Amino acid sequence: MNIIHASLAAVALLVASGVHAQDAAAGKEVFAQCTVCHSIDGSNGAGPSLKGAVGRKVGSFEGFRYSRAMKSTAYSWDAKSLDTYLTNPAAAIPGNVMPFSGVADAQQRADLIAYLAMLK
């Protein structure tokens, strides 16, 4: 199989599996709805800063007072866990107190996660 056929096969597989290309610039626009509670500069507000969230243990940003549910969650944020959480926060981590119903659109979630991944 040559490179062109391999590339086309990979694209077809991604499309068939429902995986969407991520656009961090579009994710920044989606993030606008999060800025009511979350910063990207390391300061806490009503919610913790999301600077460096990807790869960080859930409920562990220094100086933020998390719910018991968030503090007892035993994994770190990655693309999969963020996608699940952003789809429906109350179902993903029952007992968390974030008053947000989620991002229904899969493409917007993928874009938002790409943007969050850039915030080191």
N, C-alpha and C. Protein backbone atom coordinates (compact mmCIF):
# COMPACT_ATOMS: atom_id res chain seq x y z
N MET A 1 0.86 -1.17 0.00
CA MET A 1 0.00 0.00 0.00
C MET A 1 0.90 1.24 0.00
N ASN A 2 0.66 2.15 -0.93
CA ASN A 2 1.49 3.35 -0.97
C ASN A 2 1.00 4.39 0.05
N ILE A 3 1.73 5.46 0.17
CA ILE A 3 1.44 6.48 1.18
C ILE A 3 0.07 7.11 0.96
N ILE A 4 -0.30 7.37 -0.27
CA ILE A 4 -1.60 7.99 -0.54
C ILE A 4 -2.72 7.05 -0.12
N HIS A 5 -2.62 5.78 -0.48
CA HIS A 5 -3.67 4.84 -0.08
C HIS A 5 -3.72 4.67 1.44
N ALA A 6 -2.56 4.65 2.09
CA ALA A 6 -2.52 4.54 3.54
C ALA A 6 -3.17 5.76 4.19
N SER A 7 -2.91 6.94 3.66
CA SER A 7 -3.50 8.17 4.20
C SER A 7 -5.01 8.17 4.02
N LEU A 8 -5.46 7.78 2.83
CA LEU A 8 -6.91 7.72 2.58
C LEU A 8 -7.58 6.70 3.49
N ALA A 9 -6.91 5.57 3.70
CA ALA A 9 -7.46 4.55 4.58
C ALA A 9 -7.57 5.08 6.01
N ALA A 10 -6.57 5.83 6.46
CA ALA A 10 -6.59 6.39 7.82
C ALA A 10 -7.71 7.41 7.96
N VAL A 11 -7.90 8.26 6.97
CA VAL A 11 -8.97 9.25 7.00
C VAL A 11 -10.33 8.55 7.02
N ALA A 12 -10.49 7.53 6.19
CA ALA A 12 -11.74 6.79 6.15
C ALA A 12 -12.04 6.15 7.51
N LEU A 13 -11.01 5.61 8.15
CA LEU A 13 -11.19 5.00 9.46
C LEU A 13 -11.61 6.04 10.49
N LEU A 14 -10.99 7.20 10.46
CA LEU A 14 -11.36 8.27 11.40
C LEU A 14 -12.79 8.72 11.19
N VAL A 15 -13.19 8.90 9.95
CA VAL A 15 -14.55 9.34 9.65
C VAL A 15 -15.55 8.28 10.09
N ALA A 16 -15.26 7.02 9.77
CA ALA A 16 -16.16 5.93 10.12
C ALA A 16 -16.29 5.77 11.63
N SER A 17 -15.23 6.05 12.37
CA SER A 17 -15.27 5.87 13.82
C SER A 17 -15.86 7.07 14.54
N GLY A 18 -16.17 8.13 13.81
CA GLY A 18 -16.77 9.31 14.42
C GLY A 18 -15.76 10.25 15.04
N VAL A 19 -14.48 10.02 14.85
CA VAL A 19 -13.45 10.89 15.39
C VAL A 19 -13.41 12.17 14.56
N HIS A 20 -13.38 13.29 15.23
CA HIS A 20 -13.40 14.58 14.55
C HIS A 20 -12.03 15.24 14.67
N ALA A 21 -11.65 15.94 13.61
CA ALA A 21 -10.42 16.73 13.68
C ALA A 21 -10.63 17.81 14.72
N GLN A 22 -9.60 18.11 15.45
CA GLN A 22 -9.71 19.11 16.50
C GLN A 22 -9.16 20.45 16.03
N ASP A 23 -9.84 21.51 16.40
CA ASP A 23 -9.47 22.86 16.01
C ASP A 23 -9.38 23.70 17.29
N ALA A 24 -8.15 23.92 17.76
CA ALA A 24 -7.96 24.66 19.01
C ALA A 24 -8.48 26.09 18.93
N ALA A 25 -8.39 26.72 17.75
CA ALA A 25 -8.91 28.08 17.60
C ALA A 25 -10.43 28.10 17.80
N ALA A 26 -11.11 27.11 17.25
CA ALA A 26 -12.55 27.00 17.45
C ALA A 26 -12.83 26.66 18.92
N GLY A 27 -11.95 25.86 19.53
CA GLY A 27 -12.10 25.51 20.94
C GLY A 27 -11.99 26.72 21.84
N LYS A 28 -11.17 27.68 21.46
CA LYS A 28 -11.05 28.91 22.23
C LYS A 28 -12.39 29.65 22.24
N GLU A 29 -13.10 29.62 21.13
CA GLU A 29 -14.42 30.24 21.05
C GLU A 29 -15.41 29.50 21.94
N VAL A 30 -15.35 28.17 21.95
CA VAL A 30 -16.23 27.38 22.81
C VAL A 30 -15.92 27.69 24.27
N PHE A 31 -14.63 27.87 24.57
CA PHE A 31 -14.19 28.15 25.94
C PHE A 31 -14.79 29.45 26.48
N ALA A 32 -15.22 30.34 25.62
CA ALA A 32 -15.79 31.62 26.07
C ALA A 32 -16.91 31.41 27.09
N GLN A 33 -17.69 30.34 26.92
CA GLN A 33 -18.78 30.08 27.87
C GLN A 33 -18.25 29.61 29.23
N CYS A 34 -17.01 29.14 29.27
CA CYS A 34 -16.40 28.65 30.51
C CYS A 34 -15.78 29.78 31.34
N THR A 35 -15.49 30.91 30.69
CA THR A 35 -14.77 31.99 31.36
C THR A 35 -15.58 32.65 32.48
N VAL A 36 -16.85 32.37 32.54
CA VAL A 36 -17.66 32.90 33.64
C VAL A 36 -17.12 32.39 34.98
N CYS A 37 -16.60 31.14 34.97
CA CYS A 37 -16.12 30.52 36.21
C CYS A 37 -14.63 30.15 36.20
N HIS A 38 -14.07 29.91 35.02
CA HIS A 38 -12.71 29.37 34.92
C HIS A 38 -11.76 30.35 34.23
N SER A 39 -10.53 30.42 34.74
CA SER A 39 -9.50 31.23 34.10
C SER A 39 -8.52 30.31 33.39
N ILE A 40 -7.62 30.92 32.64
CA ILE A 40 -6.53 30.17 32.01
C ILE A 40 -5.18 30.73 32.45
N ASP A 41 -5.21 31.63 33.44
CA ASP A 41 -3.98 32.30 33.87
C ASP A 41 -3.44 31.76 35.20
N GLY A 42 -4.05 30.71 35.72
CA GLY A 42 -3.58 30.15 36.98
C GLY A 42 -4.31 30.66 38.21
N SER A 43 -5.24 31.60 38.01
CA SER A 43 -6.00 32.10 39.16
C SER A 43 -7.34 31.36 39.24
N ASN A 44 -7.79 31.15 40.47
CA ASN A 44 -9.07 30.49 40.68
C ASN A 44 -10.18 31.52 40.76
N GLY A 45 -11.36 31.11 40.32
CA GLY A 45 -12.56 31.92 40.43
C GLY A 45 -13.62 31.06 41.08
N ALA A 46 -14.82 31.10 40.53
CA ALA A 46 -15.87 30.21 41.01
C ALA A 46 -15.49 28.77 40.73
N GLY A 47 -14.68 28.57 39.68
CA GLY A 47 -14.12 27.26 39.35
C GLY A 47 -12.61 27.36 39.33
N PRO A 48 -11.94 26.22 39.30
CA PRO A 48 -10.47 26.25 39.28
C PRO A 48 -9.94 26.73 37.94
N SER A 49 -8.72 27.23 37.94
CA SER A 49 -8.07 27.59 36.68
C SER A 49 -7.92 26.33 35.84
N LEU A 50 -8.07 26.47 34.55
CA LEU A 50 -7.92 25.33 33.65
C LEU A 50 -6.56 25.33 32.96
N LYS A 51 -5.68 26.23 33.40
CA LYS A 51 -4.31 26.22 32.90
C LYS A 51 -3.66 24.91 33.35
N GLY A 52 -3.17 24.13 32.40
CA GLY A 52 -2.51 22.87 32.71
C GLY A 52 -3.45 21.76 33.14
N ALA A 53 -4.74 21.90 32.85
CA ALA A 53 -5.71 20.88 33.29
C ALA A 53 -5.46 19.52 32.65
N VAL A 54 -5.12 19.50 31.35
CA VAL A 54 -4.89 18.23 30.68
C VAL A 54 -3.63 17.58 31.26
N GLY A 55 -3.80 16.39 31.78
CA GLY A 55 -2.70 15.67 32.42
C GLY A 55 -2.69 15.81 33.94
N ARG A 56 -3.48 16.74 34.46
CA ARG A 56 -3.53 16.97 35.91
C ARG A 56 -4.56 16.04 36.54
N LYS A 57 -4.29 15.58 37.76
CA LYS A 57 -5.25 14.76 38.48
C LYS A 57 -6.52 15.58 38.73
N VAL A 58 -7.65 14.95 38.56
CA VAL A 58 -8.94 15.59 38.80
C VAL A 58 -8.99 16.08 40.26
N GLY A 59 -9.47 17.30 40.43
CA GLY A 59 -9.66 17.84 41.78
C GLY A 59 -8.39 18.18 42.52
N SER A 60 -7.35 18.61 41.79
CA SER A 60 -6.07 18.81 42.47
C SER A 60 -5.42 20.17 42.23
N PHE A 61 -6.09 21.12 41.58
CA PHE A 61 -5.45 22.41 41.35
C PHE A 61 -5.28 23.14 42.68
N GLU A 62 -4.06 23.52 42.94
CA GLU A 62 -3.68 24.15 44.22
C GLU A 62 -4.55 25.38 44.51
N GLY A 63 -5.07 25.43 45.73
CA GLY A 63 -5.79 26.61 46.19
C GLY A 63 -7.27 26.62 45.87
N PHE A 64 -7.78 25.61 45.16
CA PHE A 64 -9.22 25.58 44.88
C PHE A 64 -9.89 24.60 45.81
N ARG A 65 -11.05 24.98 46.30
CA ARG A 65 -11.81 24.13 47.22
C ARG A 65 -12.80 23.28 46.41
N TYR A 66 -12.42 22.03 46.20
CA TYR A 66 -13.22 21.10 45.39
C TYR A 66 -14.27 20.38 46.22
N SER A 67 -15.30 19.90 45.54
CA SER A 67 -16.30 19.05 46.17
C SER A 67 -15.64 17.71 46.53
N ARG A 68 -16.24 17.02 47.45
CA ARG A 68 -15.75 15.69 47.83
C ARG A 68 -15.71 14.76 46.61
N ALA A 69 -16.69 14.86 45.74
CA ALA A 69 -16.74 14.00 44.55
C ALA A 69 -15.53 14.24 43.65
N MET A 70 -15.16 15.48 43.44
CA MET A 70 -14.01 15.79 42.58
C MET A 70 -12.71 15.34 43.25
N LYS A 71 -12.57 15.60 44.54
CA LYS A 71 -11.35 15.23 45.26
C LYS A 71 -11.15 13.71 45.30
N SER A 72 -12.23 12.96 45.30
CA SER A 72 -12.10 11.51 45.41
C SER A 72 -12.01 10.81 44.06
N THR A 73 -12.04 11.56 42.98
CA THR A 73 -11.89 10.97 41.64
C THR A 73 -10.42 10.60 41.44
N ALA A 74 -10.19 9.36 41.02
CA ALA A 74 -8.83 8.82 41.02
C ALA A 74 -8.17 8.76 39.65
N TYR A 75 -8.46 9.68 38.77
CA TYR A 75 -7.79 9.69 37.47
C TYR A 75 -7.39 11.10 37.11
N SER A 76 -6.61 11.21 36.05
CA SER A 76 -6.17 12.52 35.55
C SER A 76 -6.96 12.86 34.30
N TRP A 77 -7.06 14.15 34.04
CA TRP A 77 -7.77 14.61 32.84
C TRP A 77 -6.97 14.26 31.59
N ASP A 78 -7.62 13.59 30.67
CA ASP A 78 -7.07 13.33 29.34
C ASP A 78 -8.21 13.55 28.36
N ALA A 79 -7.96 13.36 27.08
CA ALA A 79 -8.99 13.65 26.07
C ALA A 79 -10.26 12.83 26.32
N LYS A 80 -10.10 11.57 26.65
CA LYS A 80 -11.28 10.72 26.85
C LYS A 80 -12.07 11.13 28.09
N SER A 81 -11.38 11.35 29.22
CA SER A 81 -12.10 11.72 30.44
C SER A 81 -12.73 13.11 30.31
N LEU A 82 -12.04 14.02 29.64
CA LEU A 82 -12.63 15.35 29.42
C LEU A 82 -13.85 15.27 28.52
N ASP A 83 -13.78 14.44 27.49
CA ASP A 83 -14.93 14.30 26.60
C ASP A 83 -16.14 13.77 27.38
N THR A 84 -15.91 12.76 28.18
CA THR A 84 -17.00 12.20 28.99
C THR A 84 -17.55 13.25 29.95
N TYR A 85 -16.66 13.95 30.64
CA TYR A 85 -17.09 14.95 31.61
C TYR A 85 -17.83 16.10 30.93
N LEU A 86 -17.27 16.60 29.85
CA LEU A 86 -17.88 17.75 29.18
C LEU A 86 -19.20 17.41 28.51
N THR A 87 -19.43 16.13 28.23
CA THR A 87 -20.72 15.70 27.68
C THR A 87 -21.82 15.87 28.72
N ASN A 88 -21.53 15.43 29.95
CA ASN A 88 -22.52 15.50 31.02
C ASN A 88 -21.78 15.44 32.37
N PRO A 89 -21.38 16.59 32.90
CA PRO A 89 -20.59 16.61 34.13
C PRO A 89 -21.24 15.88 35.31
N ALA A 90 -22.55 16.03 35.47
CA ALA A 90 -23.23 15.40 36.61
C ALA A 90 -23.22 13.88 36.51
N ALA A 91 -23.30 13.35 35.32
CA ALA A 91 -23.28 11.90 35.14
C ALA A 91 -21.86 11.35 35.22
N ALA A 92 -20.89 12.13 34.73
CA ALA A 92 -19.50 11.68 34.70
C ALA A 92 -18.90 11.59 36.11
N ILE A 93 -19.18 12.58 36.93
CA ILE A 93 -18.69 12.59 38.32
C ILE A 93 -19.87 12.99 39.21
N PRO A 94 -20.69 12.00 39.57
CA PRO A 94 -21.85 12.30 40.41
C PRO A 94 -21.43 12.98 41.71
N GLY A 95 -22.17 14.02 42.07
CA GLY A 95 -21.88 14.74 43.29
C GLY A 95 -21.00 15.96 43.10
N ASN A 96 -20.47 16.16 41.88
CA ASN A 96 -19.70 17.39 41.66
C ASN A 96 -20.67 18.56 41.66
N VAL A 97 -20.18 19.74 41.92
CA VAL A 97 -21.07 20.88 42.08
C VAL A 97 -20.98 21.90 40.94
N MET A 98 -20.37 21.51 39.83
CA MET A 98 -20.28 22.44 38.71
C MET A 98 -21.67 22.60 38.09
N PRO A 99 -22.22 23.82 38.10
CA PRO A 99 -23.57 24.04 37.58
C PRO A 99 -23.57 24.22 36.06
N PHE A 100 -23.21 23.18 35.35
CA PHE A 100 -23.09 23.24 33.89
C PHE A 100 -23.64 21.93 33.33
N SER A 101 -24.52 22.03 32.36
CA SER A 101 -25.17 20.82 31.83
C SER A 101 -24.33 20.08 30.81
N GLY A 102 -23.29 20.71 30.28
CA GLY A 102 -22.42 20.03 29.33
C GLY A 102 -22.44 20.64 27.95
N VAL A 103 -21.58 20.11 27.09
CA VAL A 103 -21.48 20.54 25.69
C VAL A 103 -21.99 19.38 24.84
N ALA A 104 -23.14 19.53 24.26
CA ALA A 104 -23.78 18.43 23.53
C ALA A 104 -23.07 18.10 22.23
N ASP A 105 -22.52 19.08 21.56
CA ASP A 105 -21.92 18.89 20.24
C ASP A 105 -20.52 18.26 20.34
N ALA A 106 -20.35 17.09 19.73
CA ALA A 106 -19.08 16.36 19.80
C ALA A 106 -17.92 17.15 19.19
N GLN A 107 -18.17 17.86 18.11
CA GLN A 107 -17.11 18.65 17.49
C GLN A 107 -16.67 19.80 18.39
N GLN A 108 -17.62 20.46 19.03
CA GLN A 108 -17.28 21.53 19.96
C GLN A 108 -16.48 20.99 21.14
N ARG A 109 -16.84 19.81 21.63
CA ARG A 109 -16.07 19.21 22.73
C ARG A 109 -14.65 18.89 22.28
N ALA A 110 -14.51 18.32 21.09
CA ALA A 110 -13.17 17.99 20.57
C ALA A 110 -12.33 19.25 20.42
N ASP A 111 -12.94 20.31 19.92
CA ASP A 111 -12.23 21.58 19.75
C ASP A 111 -11.84 22.17 21.11
N LEU A 112 -12.75 22.13 22.06
CA LEU A 112 -12.49 22.64 23.40
C LEU A 112 -11.35 21.87 24.06
N ILE A 113 -11.33 20.57 23.91
CA ILE A 113 -10.27 19.74 24.49
C ILE A 113 -8.93 20.07 23.85
N ALA A 114 -8.93 20.31 22.53
CA ALA A 114 -7.69 20.71 21.84
C ALA A 114 -7.19 22.04 22.40
N TYR A 115 -8.08 22.96 22.66
CA TYR A 115 -7.70 24.25 23.22
C TYR A 115 -7.15 24.07 24.64
N LEU A 116 -7.83 23.29 25.46
CA LEU A 116 -7.38 23.06 26.83
C LEU A 116 -5.99 22.40 26.84
N ALA A 117 -5.74 21.53 25.90
CA ALA A 117 -4.45 20.84 25.82
C ALA A 117 -3.30 21.81 25.55
N MET A 118 -3.60 22.96 24.96
CA MET A 118 -2.58 23.96 24.67
C MET A 118 -2.21 24.81 25.88
N LEU A 119 -3.02 24.78 26.91
CA LEU A 119 -2.85 25.67 28.07
C LEU A 119 -1.89 25.07 29.07
N LYS A 120 -0.62 25.21 28.82
CA LYS A 120 0.41 24.64 29.70
C LYS A 120 0.80 25.60 30.78
